Amino acid sequence: MEKLFKQSSYNLNMKEKKREIKAIIFDVEGVLQIAKNKTYQTKLHTNMGVHEKISKKLKIPLDNYFDYLDEDYSLSIEGKLSKSKLLSNLSKRLNYPKEKLEKIYSKAYSRRYRKNRFLLRLAEKFKKRGFKIAILSDQWHLSSPALIPEKFYKIFNPIVTSCSAGVRKPNPKIYKILLKKLKTKPEESLFIDDREWNLPPAQKFGINTIWFTGNKTLKTQIKDFGIKI
């Protein structure tokens, strides 16, 4: 019962939210992009798989590889380090050409994730019906190109990533940036994320939220907001 209550708390009561939803925002990893390998149950495990693959490719022990990443990984996600500086730093530490490094990371992420085609079709459908369709995602400079390909830019607008916004979820500032770009009121917006701790800060702004646990459940959850599939 406690678990059910907890999950329902992340889906705001539509009886209290009478305003019509005009914008639907999707997270990427774990939502629009999901793990290909079922043994990777979370995006953390999936991303670990990415780094394991790269360390093997570069013939560097995993612990050493993470030492080489140092704090640059976190700085990149938070947009406090440019892509060129990141690649330059990694190239020196890993003793590998910058151009090849970028391709290795892109290929590794592409092989670990697959597009959630059901959600992509649904997003396109909603867009044709007049909804604003957006992305809000934590990304670092070497994951973004693979996980947010050019095709996504034809469907989603705006696309707000932590590495471009300079702040990551669940910092309230990123939700403020999102709302400004959307040009919709918080209560007219619906945010879908698979990490439940990202939802309360969005709710504080008045944004409606759904804790994503799978496509089947989402069908029911989204209908609760008066949105037809």
Foldseek 3Di string as FASTA:
>chain_A
DVVVVVQVVQFDQLVVQVDAAFAEEEEFEPTQKDFPDVVQPHVVSLVVQLLVVVCVVLVHPSVLSVVQQPCVQVCQLLQNADPVRSLVSSCVSSVHDSVVVLVSLLVSLLNGIDGPVVVVVVLQVVVVVRGAYAYEYRDGPSNCCNRCPPVNVVRHPPYHGNSVVNHHPPPLVSLVVVCVRVVDQQSNYEYEEQDSRSRPSSVVSVHGYHNDDDDVVVQVSVVSSVDHD
